[in-house]
């Protein structure tokens, strides 16, 4: 499966990538209080100054995040990234 690399993490380019939260220790993990069927709608931001936010489903009970790095563009704010789920019927 083809992958792209962002801040030394390899993300799938055709589907979400599930990562242990420890792998995201240098990233900002934003958790919106909106519960979805599979976790909490949120967003992650790599430790890169000019990179945007990526949508993510945060699963604290499993210590993991499902990062949607396959979306065509990153988002300017974590709120916009989290809205990806609502706007695309993914929550």
PDB file of N, CA and C in Angstrom:
ATOM      1  N   UNK A   1       0.843  -1.179   0.000  1.00  0.00           N
ATOM      2  CA  UNK A   1       0.000   0.000   0.000  1.00  0.00           C
ATOM      3  C   UNK A   1       0.885   1.239   0.000  1.00  0.00           C
ATOM      4  N   UNK A   2       0.512   2.177  -0.834  1.00  0.00           N
ATOM      5  CA  UNK A   2       1.303   3.407  -0.949  1.00  0.00           C
ATOM      6  C   UNK A   2       1.109   4.288   0.280  1.00  0.00           C
ATOM      7  N   UNK A   3       2.198   4.928   0.698  1.00  0.00           N
ATOM      8  CA  UNK A   3       2.153   5.784   1.885  1.00  0.00           C
ATOM      9  C   UNK A   3       2.866   7.098   1.603  1.00  0.00           C
ATOM     10  N   UNK A   4       2.504   8.104   2.402  1.00  0.00           N
ATOM     11  CA  UNK A   4       3.233   9.374   2.366  1.00  0.00           C
ATOM     12  C   UNK A   4       3.804   9.605   3.755  1.00  0.00           C
ATOM     13  N   UNK A   5       4.892  10.337   3.798  1.00  0.00           N
ATOM     14  CA  UNK A   5       5.547  10.579   5.079  1.00  0.00           C
ATOM     15  C   UNK A   5       5.343  12.029   5.500  1.00  0.00           C
ATOM     16  N   UNK A   6       4.906  12.188   6.739  1.00  0.00           N
ATOM     17  CA  UNK A   6       4.746  13.515   7.330  1.00  0.00           C
ATOM     18  C   UNK A   6       5.421  13.464   8.693  1.00  0.00           C
ATOM     19  N   UNK A   7       6.422  14.291   8.878  1.00  0.00           N
ATOM     20  CA  UNK A   7       7.142  14.373  10.159  1.00  0.00           C
ATOM     21  C   UNK A   7       7.575  12.991  10.643  1.00  0.00           C
ATOM     22  N   UNK A   8       8.145  12.221   9.763  1.00  0.00           N
ATOM     23  CA  UNK A   8       8.711  10.907  10.040  1.00  0.00           C
ATOM     24  C   UNK A   8       7.688   9.822  10.340  1.00  0.00           C
ATOM     25  N   UNK A   9       6.406  10.086  10.094  1.00  0.00           N
ATOM     26  CA  UNK A   9       5.382   9.052  10.226  1.00  0.00           C
ATOM     27  C   UNK A   9       4.826   8.735   8.846  1.00  0.00           C
ATOM     28  N   UNK A  10       4.642   7.461   8.553  1.00  0.00           N
ATOM     29  CA  UNK A  10       4.109   7.047   7.260  1.00  0.00           C
ATOM     30  C   UNK A  10       2.605   6.857   7.373  1.00  0.00           C
ATOM     31  N   UNK A  11       1.871   7.570   6.506  1.00  0.00           N
ATOM     32  CA  UNK A  11       0.411   7.519   6.499  1.00  0.00           C
ATOM     33  C   UNK A  11      -0.084   6.947   5.180  1.00  0.00           C
ATOM     34  N   UNK A  12      -1.127   6.123   5.258  1.00  0.00           N
ATOM     35  CA  UNK A  12      -1.746   5.586   4.051  1.00  0.00           C
ATOM     36  C   UNK A  12      -2.296   6.725   3.203  1.00  0.00           C
ATOM     37  N   UNK A  13      -2.224   6.582   1.886  1.00  0.00           N
ATOM     38  CA  UNK A  13      -2.748   7.634   1.014  1.00  0.00           C
ATOM     39  C   UNK A  13      -4.153   7.325   0.500  1.00  0.00           C
ATOM     40  N   UNK A  14      -4.699   6.149   0.849  1.00  0.00           N
ATOM     41  CA  UNK A  14      -6.026   5.800   0.359  1.00  0.00           C
ATOM     42  C   UNK A  14      -7.041   5.515   1.461  1.00  0.00           C
ATOM     43  N   UNK A  15      -6.587   5.483   2.709  1.00  0.00           N
ATOM     44  CA  UNK A  15      -7.503   5.235   3.835  1.00  0.00           C
ATOM     45  C   UNK A  15      -6.867   5.763   5.118  1.00  0.00           C
ATOM     46  N   UNK A  16      -7.659   5.865   6.198  1.00  0.00           N
ATOM     47  CA  UNK A  16      -7.104   6.336   7.469  1.00  0.00           C
ATOM     48  C   UNK A  16      -6.010   5.410   7.989  1.00  0.00           C
ATOM     49  N   UNK A  17      -5.110   5.984   8.775  1.00  0.00           N
ATOM     50  CA  UNK A  17      -4.006   5.245   9.377  1.00  0.00           C
ATOM     51  C   UNK A  17      -4.185   5.252  10.888  1.00  0.00           C
ATOM     52  N   UNK A  18      -4.202   4.085  11.497  1.00  0.00           N
ATOM     53  CA  UNK A  18      -4.327   3.994  12.951  1.00  0.00           C
ATOM     54  C   UNK A  18      -2.933   3.978  13.567  1.00  0.00           C
ATOM     55  N   UNK A  19      -2.717   4.910  14.497  1.00  0.00           N
ATOM     56  CA  UNK A  19      -1.415   5.058  15.139  1.00  0.00           C
ATOM     57  C   UNK A  19      -1.569   5.071  16.658  1.00  0.00           C
ATOM     58  N   UNK A  20      -0.599   4.499  17.343  1.00  0.00           N
ATOM     59  CA  UNK A  20      -0.542   4.594  18.789  1.00  0.00           C
ATOM     60  C   UNK A  20      -0.257   6.057  19.142  1.00  0.00           C
ATOM     61  N   UNK A  21      -0.902   6.569  20.176  1.00  0.00           N
ATOM     62  CA  UNK A  21      -0.699   7.967  20.563  1.00  0.00           C
ATOM     63  C   UNK A  21       0.753   8.271  20.915  1.00  0.00           C
ATOM     64  N   UNK A  22       1.526   7.271  21.334  1.00  0.00           N
ATOM     65  CA  UNK A  22       2.945   7.498  21.630  1.00  0.00           C
ATOM     66  C   UNK A  22       3.707   7.939  20.387  1.00  0.00           C
ATOM     67  N   UNK A  23       3.284   7.457  19.225  1.00  0.00           N
ATOM     68  CA  UNK A  23       3.937   7.865  17.976  1.00  0.00           C
ATOM     69  C   UNK A  23       3.659   9.334  17.647  1.00  0.00           C
ATOM     70  N   UNK A  24       2.608   9.868  18.248  1.00  0.00           N
ATOM     71  CA  UNK A  24       2.227  11.268  18.007  1.00  0.00           C
ATOM     72  C   UNK A  24       2.713  12.190  19.123  1.00  0.00           C
ATOM     73  N   UNK A  25       3.721  11.772  19.881  1.00  0.00           N
ATOM     74  CA  UNK A  25       4.171  12.549  21.034  1.00  0.00           C
ATOM     75  C   UNK A  25       4.674  13.938  20.669  1.00  0.00           C
ATOM     76  N   UNK A  26       5.202  14.118  19.457  1.00  0.00           N
ATOM     77  CA  UNK A  26       5.678  15.434  19.031  1.00  0.00           C
ATOM     78  C   UNK A  26       4.605  16.216  18.269  1.00  0.00           C
ATOM     79  N   UNK A  27       3.471  15.605  18.045  1.00  0.00           N
ATOM     80  CA  UNK A  27       2.361  16.236  17.333  1.00  0.00           C
ATOM     81  C   UNK A  27       1.410  16.862  18.351  1.00  0.00           C
ATOM     82  N   UNK A  28       0.600  17.806  17.905  1.00  0.00           N
ATOM     83  CA  UNK A  28      -0.473  18.340  18.743  1.00  0.00           C
ATOM     84  C   UNK A  28      -1.712  17.498  18.439  1.00  0.00           C
ATOM     85  N   UNK A  29      -2.304  16.933  19.490  1.00  0.00           N
ATOM     86  CA  UNK A  29      -3.527  16.137  19.337  1.00  0.00           C
ATOM     87  C   UNK A  29      -4.673  16.944  19.928  1.00  0.00           C
ATOM     88  N   UNK A  30      -5.616  17.326  19.079  1.00  0.00           N
ATOM     89  CA  UNK A  30      -6.763  18.136  19.499  1.00  0.00           C
ATOM     90  C   UNK A  30      -7.985  17.238  19.507  1.00  0.00           C
ATOM     91  N   UNK A  31      -8.636  17.183  20.648  1.00  0.00           N
ATOM     92  CA  UNK A  31      -9.801  16.310  20.803  1.00  0.00           C
ATOM     93  C   UNK A  31     -11.039  17.160  21.019  1.00  0.00           C
ATOM     94  N   UNK A  32     -11.905  17.153  20.064  1.00  0.00           N
ATOM     95  CA  UNK A  32     -13.171  17.878  20.164  1.00  0.00           C
ATOM     96  C   UNK A  32     -14.122  17.042  21.015  1.00  0.00           C
ATOM     97  N   UNK A  33     -14.915  17.686  21.858  1.00  0.00           N
ATOM     98  CA  UNK A  33     -15.765  16.900  22.752  1.00  0.00           C
ATOM     99  C   UNK A  33     -16.955  16.215  22.076  1.00  0.00           C
ATOM    100  N   UNK A  34     -16.972  16.171  20.758  1.00  0.00           N
ATOM    101  CA  UNK A  34     -18.070  15.526  20.054  1.00  0.00           C
ATOM    102  C   UNK A  34     -17.764  14.040  19.880  1.00  0.00           C
ATOM    103  N   UNK A  35     -18.569  13.218  20.496  1.00  0.00           N
ATOM    104  CA  UNK A  35     -18.400  11.765  20.416  1.00  0.00           C
ATOM    105  C   UNK A  35     -18.939  11.270  19.081  1.00  0.00           C
ATOM    106  N   UNK A  36     -18.189  10.387  18.454  1.00  0.00           N
ATOM    107  CA  UNK A  36     -18.663   9.727  17.242  1.00  0.00           C
ATOM    108  C   UNK A  36     -18.812   8.244  17.561  1.00  0.00           C
ATOM    109  N   UNK A  37     -19.284   7.489  16.608  1.00  0.00           N
ATOM    110  CA  UNK A  37     -19.484   6.057  16.827  1.00  0.00           C
ATOM    111  C   UNK A  37     -18.171   5.337  17.133  1.00  0.00           C
ATOM    112  N   UNK A  38     -17.064   5.864  16.627  1.00  0.00           N
ATOM    113  CA  UNK A  38     -15.794   5.150  16.790  1.00  0.00           C
ATOM    114  C   UNK A  38     -14.767   5.874  17.654  1.00  0.00           C
ATOM    115  N   UNK A  39     -15.157   6.930  18.335  1.00  0.00           N
ATOM    116  CA  UNK A  39     -14.227   7.665  19.196  1.00  0.00           C
ATOM    117  C   UNK A  39     -14.639   9.121  19.293  1.00  0.00           C
ATOM    118  N   UNK A  40     -13.669  10.002  19.460  1.00  0.00           N
ATOM    119  CA  UNK A  40     -13.931  11.434  19.529  1.00  0.00           C
ATOM    120  C   UNK A  40     -13.414  12.101  18.264  1.00  0.00           C
ATOM    121  N   UNK A  41     -14.238  12.951  17.663  1.00  0.00           N
ATOM    122  CA  UNK A  41     -13.795  13.712  16.492  1.00  0.00           C
ATOM    123  C   UNK A  41     -12.683  14.644  16.941  1.00  0.00           C
ATOM    124  N   UNK A  42     -11.641  14.723  16.164  1.00  0.00           N
ATOM    125  CA  UNK A  42     -10.525  15.567  16.531  1.00  0.00           C
ATOM    126  C   UNK A  42      -9.639  15.878  15.352  1.00  0.00           C
ATOM    127  N   UNK A  43      -8.429  16.277  15.666  1.00  0.00           N
ATOM    128  CA  UNK A  43      -7.466  16.643  14.633  1.00  0.00           C
ATOM    129  C   UNK A  43      -6.066  16.493  15.209  1.00  0.00           C
ATOM    130  N   UNK A  44      -5.105  16.320  14.319  1.00  0.00           N
ATOM    131  CA  UNK A  44      -3.710  16.250  14.729  1.00  0.00           C
ATOM    132  C   UNK A  44      -2.892  17.189  13.856  1.00  0.00           C
ATOM    133  N   UNK A  45      -1.833  17.721  14.453  1.00  0.00           N
ATOM    134  CA  UNK A  45      -0.967  18.665  13.745  1.00  0.00           C
ATOM    135  C   UNK A  45       0.475  18.216  13.922  1.00  0.00           C
ATOM    136  N   UNK A  46       1.167  17.970  12.803  1.00  0.00           N
ATOM    137  CA  UNK A  46       2.561  17.548  12.921  1.00  0.00           C
ATOM    138  C   UNK A  46       3.447  18.693  13.406  1.00  0.00           C
ATOM    139  N   UNK A  47       4.634  18.369  13.876  1.00  0.00           N
ATOM    140  CA  UNK A  47       5.552  19.405  14.360  1.00  0.00           C
ATOM    141  C   UNK A  47       6.261  20.115  13.199  1.00  0.00           C
ATOM    142  N   UNK A  48       5.473  20.573  12.255  1.00  0.00           N
ATOM    143  CA  UNK A  48       5.977  21.296  11.082  1.00  0.00           C
ATOM    144  C   UNK A  48       5.259  22.630  11.014  1.00  0.00           C
ATOM    145  N   UNK A  49       5.988  23.710  11.015  1.00  0.00           N
ATOM    146  CA  UNK A  49       5.415  25.057  11.116  1.00  0.00           C
ATOM    147  C   UNK A  49       4.329  25.334  10.077  1.00  0.00           C
ATOM    148  N   UNK A  50       4.561  25.005   8.831  1.00  0.00           N
ATOM    149  CA  UNK A  50       3.627  25.391   7.775  1.00  0.00           C
ATOM    150  C   UNK A  50       2.660  24.292   7.359  1.00  0.00           C
ATOM    151  N   UNK A  51       2.562  23.247   8.145  1.00  0.00           N
ATOM    152  CA  UNK A  51       1.629  22.163   7.816  1.00  0.00           C
ATOM    153  C   UNK A  51       0.307  22.421   8.513  1.00  0.00           C
ATOM    154  N   UNK A  52      -0.784  22.051   7.866  1.00  0.00           N
ATOM    155  CA  UNK A  52      -2.112  22.226   8.460  1.00  0.00           C
ATOM    156  C   UNK A  52      -2.495  21.042   9.340  1.00  0.00           C
ATOM    157  N   UNK A  53      -3.752  21.066   9.773  1.00  0.00           N
ATOM    158  CA  UNK A  53      -4.315  20.040  10.648  1.00  0.00           C
ATOM    159  C   UNK A  53      -4.913  18.916   9.816  1.00  0.00           C
ATOM    160  N   UNK A  54      -4.813  17.691  10.322  1.00  0.00           N
ATOM    161  CA  UNK A  54      -5.414  16.531   9.685  1.00  0.00           C
ATOM    162  C   UNK A  54      -6.551  16.014  10.568  1.00  0.00           C
ATOM    163  N   UNK A  55      -7.674  15.621   9.971  1.00  0.00           N
ATOM    164  CA  UNK A  55      -8.754  15.040  10.770  1.00  0.00           C
ATOM    165  C   UNK A  55      -8.280  13.748  11.435  1.00  0.00           C
ATOM    166  N   UNK A  56      -8.816  13.480  12.614  1.00  0.00           N
ATOM    167  CA  UNK A  56      -8.454  12.253  13.334  1.00  0.00           C
ATOM    168  C   UNK A  56      -9.586  11.855  14.269  1.00  0.00           C
ATOM    169  N   UNK A  57      -9.774  10.562  14.402  1.00  0.00           N
ATOM    170  CA  UNK A  57     -10.666  10.028  15.432  1.00  0.00           C
ATOM    171  C   UNK A  57      -9.749   9.602  16.576  1.00  0.00           C
ATOM    172  N   UNK A  58      -9.981  10.182  17.745  1.00  0.00           N
ATOM    173  CA  UNK A  58      -9.146   9.921  18.911  1.00  0.00           C
ATOM    174  C   UNK A  58      -9.847   8.864  19.771  1.00  0.00           C
ATOM    175  N   UNK A  59      -9.114   7.819  20.110  1.00  0.00           N
ATOM    176  CA  UNK A  59      -9.652   6.748  20.946  1.00  0.00           C
ATOM    177  C   UNK A  59      -8.777   6.615  22.196  1.00  0.00           C
ATOM    178  N   UNK A  60      -9.034   7.458  23.209  1.00  0.00           N
ATOM    179  CA  UNK A  60      -8.171   7.446  24.400  1.00  0.00           C
ATOM    180  C   UNK A  60      -8.175   6.099  25.128  1.00  0.00           C
ATOM    181  N   UNK A  61      -9.304   5.393  25.120  1.00  0.00           N
ATOM    182  CA  UNK A  61      -9.369   4.109  25.821  1.00  0.00           C
ATOM    183  C   UNK A  61      -8.473   3.060  25.166  1.00  0.00           C
ATOM    184  N   UNK A  62      -8.153   3.249  23.897  1.00  0.00           N
ATOM    185  CA  UNK A  62      -7.249   2.333  23.174  1.00  0.00           C
ATOM    186  C   UNK A  62      -5.854   2.937  22.995  1.00  0.00           C
ATOM    187  N   UNK A  63      -5.701   4.185  23.438  1.00  0.00           N
ATOM    188  CA  UNK A  63      -4.432   4.904  23.298  1.00  0.00           C
ATOM    189  C   UNK A  63      -4.009   5.006  21.828  1.00  0.00           C
ATOM    190  N   UNK A  64      -5.006   5.347  20.968  1.00  0.00           N
ATOM    191  CA  UNK A  64      -4.705   5.431  19.545  1.00  0.00           C
ATOM    192  C   UNK A  64      -5.492   6.538  18.870  1.00  0.00           C
ATOM    193  N   UNK A  65      -5.018   6.895  17.688  1.00  0.00           N
ATOM    194  CA  UNK A  65      -5.696   7.875  16.848  1.00  0.00           C
ATOM    195  C   UNK A  65      -5.767   7.318  15.433  1.00  0.00           C
ATOM    196  N   UNK A  66      -6.908   7.503  14.817  1.00  0.00           N
ATOM    197  CA  UNK A  66      -7.078   7.126  13.417  1.00  0.00           C
ATOM    198  C   UNK A  66      -6.910   8.422  12.621  1.00  0.00           C
ATOM    199  N   UNK A  67      -5.741   8.586  12.032  1.00  0.00           N
ATOM    200  CA  UNK A  67      -5.381   9.823  11.333  1.00  0.00           C
ATOM    201  C   UNK A  67      -5.832   9.728   9.871  1.00  0.00           C
ATOM    202  N   UNK A  68      -6.576  10.718   9.451  1.00  0.00           N
ATOM    203  CA  UNK A  68      -7.085  10.761   8.079  1.00  0.00           C
ATOM    204  C   UNK A  68      -6.115  11.569   7.209  1.00  0.00           C
ATOM    205  N   UNK A  69      -4.927  11.024   7.067  1.00  0.00           N
ATOM    206  CA  UNK A  69      -3.886  11.665   6.267  1.00  0.00           C
ATOM    207  C   UNK A  69      -4.096  11.502   4.777  1.00  0.00           C
ATOM    208  N   UNK A  70      -5.114  10.739   4.398  1.00  0.00           N
ATOM    209  CA  UNK A  70      -5.412  10.514   2.990  1.00  0.00           C
ATOM    210  C   UNK A  70      -6.292  11.609   2.384  1.00  0.00           C
ATOM    211  N   UNK A  71      -6.788  12.534   3.214  1.00  0.00           N
ATOM    212  CA  UNK A  71      -7.613  13.623   2.674  1.00  0.00           C
ATOM    213  C   UNK A  71      -6.744  14.487   1.755  1.00  0.00           C
ATOM    214  N   UNK A  72      -7.347  15.072   0.719  1.00  0.00           N
ATOM    215  CA  UNK A  72      -6.538  15.800  -0.268  1.00  0.00           C
ATOM    216  C   UNK A  72      -5.761  16.996   0.288  1.00  0.00           C
ATOM    217  N   UNK A  73      -6.343  17.702   1.246  1.00  0.00           N
ATOM    218  CA  UNK A  73      -5.692  18.885   1.804  1.00  0.00           C
ATOM    219  C   UNK A  73      -5.782  18.869   3.317  1.00  0.00           C
ATOM    220  N   UNK A  74      -4.818  19.512   3.954  1.00  0.00           N
ATOM    221  CA  UNK A  74      -4.907  19.703   5.398  1.00  0.00           C
ATOM    222  C   UNK A  74      -5.775  20.937   5.651  1.00  0.00           C
ATOM    223  N   UNK A  75      -6.109  21.175   6.902  1.00  0.00           N
ATOM    224  CA  UNK A  75      -7.010  22.262   7.269  1.00  0.00           C
ATOM    225  C   UNK A  75      -6.278  23.306   8.099  1.00  0.00           C
ATOM    226  N   UNK A  76      -6.755  24.537   8.026  1.00  0.00           N
ATOM    227  CA  UNK A  76      -6.112  25.654   8.714  1.00  0.00           C
ATOM    228  C   UNK A  76      -6.280  25.588  10.230  1.00  0.00           C
ATOM    229  N   UNK A  77      -7.421  25.087  10.686  1.00  0.00           N
ATOM    230  CA  UNK A  77      -7.687  25.026  12.131  1.00  0.00           C
ATOM    231  C   UNK A  77      -8.106  23.607  12.523  1.00  0.00           C
ATOM    232  N   UNK A  78      -7.972  23.264  13.808  1.00  0.00           N
ATOM    233  CA  UNK A  78      -8.422  21.941  14.234  1.00  0.00           C
ATOM    234  C   UNK A  78      -9.946  21.797  14.115  1.00  0.00           C
ATOM    235  N   UNK A  79     -10.664  22.880  14.308  1.00  0.00           N
ATOM    236  CA  UNK A  79     -12.125  22.835  14.177  1.00  0.00           C
ATOM    237  C   UNK A  79     -12.534  22.455  12.754  1.00  0.00           C
ATOM    238  N   UNK A  80     -11.859  23.054  11.765  1.00  0.00           N
ATOM    239  CA  UNK A  80     -12.161  22.730  10.366  1.00  0.00           C
ATOM    240  C   UNK A  80     -11.835  21.275  10.068  1.00  0.00           C
ATOM    241  N   UNK A  81     -10.731  20.791  10.604  1.00  0.00           N
ATOM    242  CA  UNK A  81     -10.356  19.389  10.387  1.00  0.00           C
ATOM    243  C   UNK A  81     -11.388  18.455  11.011  1.00  0.00           C
ATOM    244  N   UNK A  82     -11.830  18.749  12.225  1.00  0.00           N
ATOM    245  CA  UNK A  82     -12.835  17.913  12.890  1.00  0.00           C
ATOM    246  C   UNK A  82     -14.170  17.975  12.147  1.00  0.00           C
ATOM    247  N   UNK A  83     -14.488  19.114  11.557  1.00  0.00           N
ATOM    248  CA  UNK A  83     -15.725  19.254  10.784  1.00  0.00           C
ATOM    249  C   UNK A  83     -15.730  18.367   9.544  1.00  0.00           C
ATOM    250  N   UNK A  84     -14.566  17.901   9.123  1.00  0.00           N
ATOM    251  CA  UNK A  84     -14.468  16.987   7.991  1.00  0.00           C
ATOM    252  C   UNK A  84     -15.406  15.791   8.188  1.00  0.00           C
ATOM    253  N   UNK A  85     -15.480  15.291   9.414  1.00  0.00           N
ATOM    254  CA  UNK A  85     -16.320  14.118   9.700  1.00  0.00           C
ATOM    255  C   UNK A  85     -17.789  14.440   9.512  1.00  0.00           C
ATOM    256  N   UNK A  86     -18.227  15.575  10.009  1.00  0.00           N
ATOM    257  CA  UNK A  86     -19.620  15.976   9.873  1.00  0.00           C
ATOM    258  C   UNK A  86     -19.950  16.280   8.410  1.00  0.00           C
ATOM    259  N   UNK A  87     -19.063  17.022   7.758  1.00  0.00           N
ATOM    260  CA  UNK A  87     -19.324  17.430   6.380  1.00  0.00           C
ATOM    261  C   UNK A  87     -19.288  16.285   5.380  1.00  0.00           C
ATOM    262  N   UNK A  88     -18.664  15.182   5.752  1.00  0.00           N
ATOM    263  CA  UNK A  88     -18.555  14.038   4.849  1.00  0.00           C
ATOM    264  C   UNK A  88     -19.258  12.791   5.389  1.00  0.00           C
ATOM    265  N   UNK A  89     -20.194  13.012   6.304  1.00  0.00           N
ATOM    266  CA  UNK A  89     -20.988  11.911   6.889  1.00  0.00           C
ATOM    267  C   UNK A  89     -20.110  10.796   7.426  1.00  0.00           C
ATOM    268  N   UNK A  90     -19.053  11.160   8.151  1.00  0.00           N
ATOM    269  CA  UNK A  90     -18.121  10.170   8.677  1.00  0.00           C
ATOM    270  C   UNK A  90     -18.196  10.042  10.185  1.00  0.00           C
ATOM    271  N   UNK A  91     -19.052  10.809  10.845  1.00  0.00           N
ATOM    272  CA  UNK A  91     -19.101  10.714  12.311  1.00  0.00           C
ATOM    273  C   UNK A  91     -20.131   9.718  12.780  1.00  0.00           C
TER     274      UNK A  91
END
